[in-house]
Amino acid sequence: MSRSTADVRWLTFRLKNGQSIGPDQLKDGWVVASESRHCDVRRESIEGAGVVYALYGPPDLPSPRRAELRMRDFLMRSGYTFTMGTLGH
């Protein structure tokens, strides 16, 4: 995905040790949650802190709070244990 259409990191989350999520499943969930096809997902390593999953989208995301709630619901329904933080505006 072009950084010009998915350039804001809206959410990050960590999964419980031993859990992981594939990029296709994660992107499918984020597309539905964000109500935007102009999104991207990345698995990023943070030195000393392990791996986080980062969810990117356009600066004009329709409803960031609803996207966050829907993403939390998606992860819970999928059986994941996670901690999530918002980084977008």
C-alpha atoms as a PDB file:
ATOM      1  CA  MET A   1       0.000   0.000   0.000  1.00  0.00           C
ATOM      2  CA  SER A   2       1.294   3.417  -0.865  1.00  0.00           C
ATOM      3  CA  ARG A   3       2.363   5.509   2.115  1.00  0.00           C
ATOM      4  CA  SER A   4       0.406   8.383   0.573  1.00  0.00           C
ATOM      5  CA  THR A   5      -2.941   6.679   1.292  1.00  0.00           C
ATOM      6  CA  ALA A   6      -2.062   4.793   4.493  1.00  0.00           C
ATOM      7  CA  ASP A   7       0.364   7.089   6.223  1.00  0.00           C
ATOM      8  CA  VAL A   8      -1.050   7.470   9.745  1.00  0.00           C
ATOM      9  CA  ARG A   9      -0.399   4.805  12.369  1.00  0.00           C
ATOM     10  CA  TRP A  10      -3.797   4.689  14.072  1.00  0.00           C
ATOM     11  CA  LEU A  11      -3.365   1.726  16.400  1.00  0.00           C
ATOM     12  CA  THR A  12      -0.734  -0.600  17.768  1.00  0.00           C
ATOM     13  CA  PHE A  13      -1.203  -3.718  19.810  1.00  0.00           C
ATOM     14  CA  ARG A  14       0.739  -6.573  21.340  1.00  0.00           C
ATOM     15  CA  LEU A  15      -0.467 -10.126  21.597  1.00  0.00           C
ATOM     16  CA  LYS A  16      -0.007 -12.400  24.597  1.00  0.00           C
ATOM     17  CA  ASN A  17       3.248 -14.382  24.481  1.00  0.00           C
ATOM     18  CA  GLY A  18       2.930 -17.333  22.127  1.00  0.00           C
ATOM     19  CA  GLN A  19       0.146 -15.770  20.047  1.00  0.00           C
ATOM     20  CA  SER A  20       0.521 -14.393  16.539  1.00  0.00           C
ATOM     21  CA  ILE A  21      -1.756 -13.297  13.730  1.00  0.00           C
ATOM     22  CA  GLY A  22      -1.079 -13.615  10.020  1.00  0.00           C
ATOM     23  CA  PRO A  23      -0.897 -10.504   7.849  1.00  0.00           C
ATOM     24  CA  ASP A  24      -3.882 -11.471   5.677  1.00  0.00           C
ATOM     25  CA  GLN A  25      -6.191 -12.129   8.635  1.00  0.00           C
ATOM     26  CA  LEU A  26      -5.009  -8.939  10.334  1.00  0.00           C
ATOM     27  CA  LYS A  27      -5.486  -6.808   7.232  1.00  0.00           C
ATOM     28  CA  ASP A  28      -8.949  -8.271   6.587  1.00  0.00           C
ATOM     29  CA  GLY A  29      -9.963  -7.385  10.153  1.00  0.00           C
ATOM     30  CA  TRP A  30      -8.506  -3.885   9.900  1.00  0.00           C
ATOM     31  CA  VAL A  31     -10.204  -3.168   6.533  1.00  0.00           C
ATOM     32  CA  VAL A  32     -13.576  -4.013   8.101  1.00  0.00           C
ATOM     33  CA  ALA A  33     -12.852  -2.199  11.382  1.00  0.00           C
ATOM     34  CA  SER A  34     -11.508   0.960   9.741  1.00  0.00           C
ATOM     35  CA  GLU A  35     -14.170   1.051   7.031  1.00  0.00           C
ATOM     36  CA  SER A  36     -11.391   1.852   4.556  1.00  0.00           C
ATOM     37  CA  ARG A  37      -9.615  -0.177   1.909  1.00  0.00           C
ATOM     38  CA  HIS A  38      -6.715   2.307   2.038  1.00  0.00           C
ATOM     39  CA  CYS A  39      -4.995   0.696   4.965  1.00  0.00           C
ATOM     40  CA  ASP A  40      -1.905  -1.313   5.783  1.00  0.00           C
ATOM     41  CA  VAL A  41      -0.708  -3.546   8.607  1.00  0.00           C
ATOM     42  CA  ARG A  42       2.835  -4.171   9.764  1.00  0.00           C
ATOM     43  CA  ARG A  43       4.609  -6.280  12.314  1.00  0.00           C
ATOM     44  CA  GLU A  44       7.307  -4.103  13.843  1.00  0.00           C
ATOM     45  CA  SER A  45      10.116  -5.001  16.226  1.00  0.00           C
ATOM     46  CA  ILE A  46      10.866  -2.491  18.941  1.00  0.00           C
ATOM     47  CA  GLU A  47      14.271  -2.947  20.517  1.00  0.00           C
ATOM     48  CA  GLY A  48      13.887  -4.110  24.086  1.00  0.00           C
ATOM     49  CA  ALA A  49      10.097  -4.272  23.826  1.00  0.00           C
ATOM     50  CA  GLY A  50       9.462  -7.101  21.382  1.00  0.00           C
ATOM     51  CA  VAL A  51       6.965  -7.143  18.546  1.00  0.00           C
ATOM     52  CA  VAL A  52       3.978  -4.861  18.016  1.00  0.00           C
ATOM     53  CA  TYR A  53       1.387  -4.957  15.280  1.00  0.00           C
ATOM     54  CA  ALA A  54       0.846  -1.517  13.721  1.00  0.00           C
ATOM     55  CA  LEU A  55      -2.332  -0.543  11.870  1.00  0.00           C
ATOM     56  CA  TYR A  56      -2.095   2.272   9.328  1.00  0.00           C
ATOM     57  CA  GLY A  57      -4.762   4.194   7.493  1.00  0.00           C
ATOM     58  CA  PRO A  58      -5.495   7.465   5.745  1.00  0.00           C
ATOM     59  CA  PRO A  59      -5.424  10.725   7.706  1.00  0.00           C
ATOM     60  CA  ASP A  60      -9.167  11.130   7.080  1.00  0.00           C
ATOM     61  CA  LEU A  61     -10.187   7.778   8.595  1.00  0.00           C
ATOM     62  CA  PRO A  62     -14.029   7.911   8.813  1.00  0.00           C
ATOM     63  CA  SER A  63     -14.349   7.205  12.562  1.00  0.00           C
ATOM     64  CA  PRO A  64     -11.126   6.443  14.455  1.00  0.00           C
ATOM     65  CA  ARG A  65     -12.863   5.607  17.751  1.00  0.00           C
ATOM     66  CA  ARG A  66     -15.326   3.236  16.052  1.00  0.00           C
ATOM     67  CA  ALA A  67     -12.409   1.644  14.160  1.00  0.00           C
ATOM     68  CA  GLU A  68     -10.599   1.042  17.448  1.00  0.00           C
ATOM     69  CA  LEU A  69     -13.665  -0.497  19.095  1.00  0.00           C
ATOM     70  CA  ARG A  70     -14.361  -2.681  16.075  1.00  0.00           C
ATOM     71  CA  MET A  71     -10.722  -3.833  15.958  1.00  0.00           C
ATOM     72  CA  ARG A  72     -10.807  -4.705  19.661  1.00  0.00           C
ATOM     73  CA  ASP A  73     -13.991  -6.695  19.051  1.00  0.00           C
ATOM     74  CA  PHE A  74     -12.426  -8.497  16.068  1.00  0.00           C
ATOM     75  CA  LEU A  75      -9.365  -9.517  18.110  1.00  0.00           C
ATOM     76  CA  MET A  76     -11.460 -10.668  21.100  1.00  0.00           C
ATOM     77  CA  ARG A  77     -13.858 -12.687  18.918  1.00  0.00           C
ATOM     78  CA  SER A  78     -10.818 -14.268  17.229  1.00  0.00           C
ATOM     79  CA  GLY A  79      -9.560 -15.472  20.631  1.00  0.00           C
ATOM     80  CA  TYR A  80      -6.585 -13.158  21.073  1.00  0.00           C
ATOM     81  CA  THR A  81      -5.360 -11.675  24.341  1.00  0.00           C
ATOM     82  CA  PHE A  82      -3.862  -8.256  23.645  1.00  0.00           C
ATOM     83  CA  THR A  83      -2.972  -4.803  24.842  1.00  0.00           C
ATOM     84  CA  MET A  84      -3.710  -1.907  22.519  1.00  0.00           C
ATOM     85  CA  GLY A  85      -2.667   1.716  22.321  1.00  0.00           C
ATOM     86  CA  THR A  86      -3.677   4.489  19.954  1.00  0.00           C
ATOM     87  CA  LEU A  87      -1.070   6.565  18.173  1.00  0.00           C
ATOM     88  CA  GLY A  88      -3.077   8.387  15.511  1.00  0.00           C
ATOM     89  CA  HIS A  89      -4.541  11.870  15.804  1.00  0.00           C
END
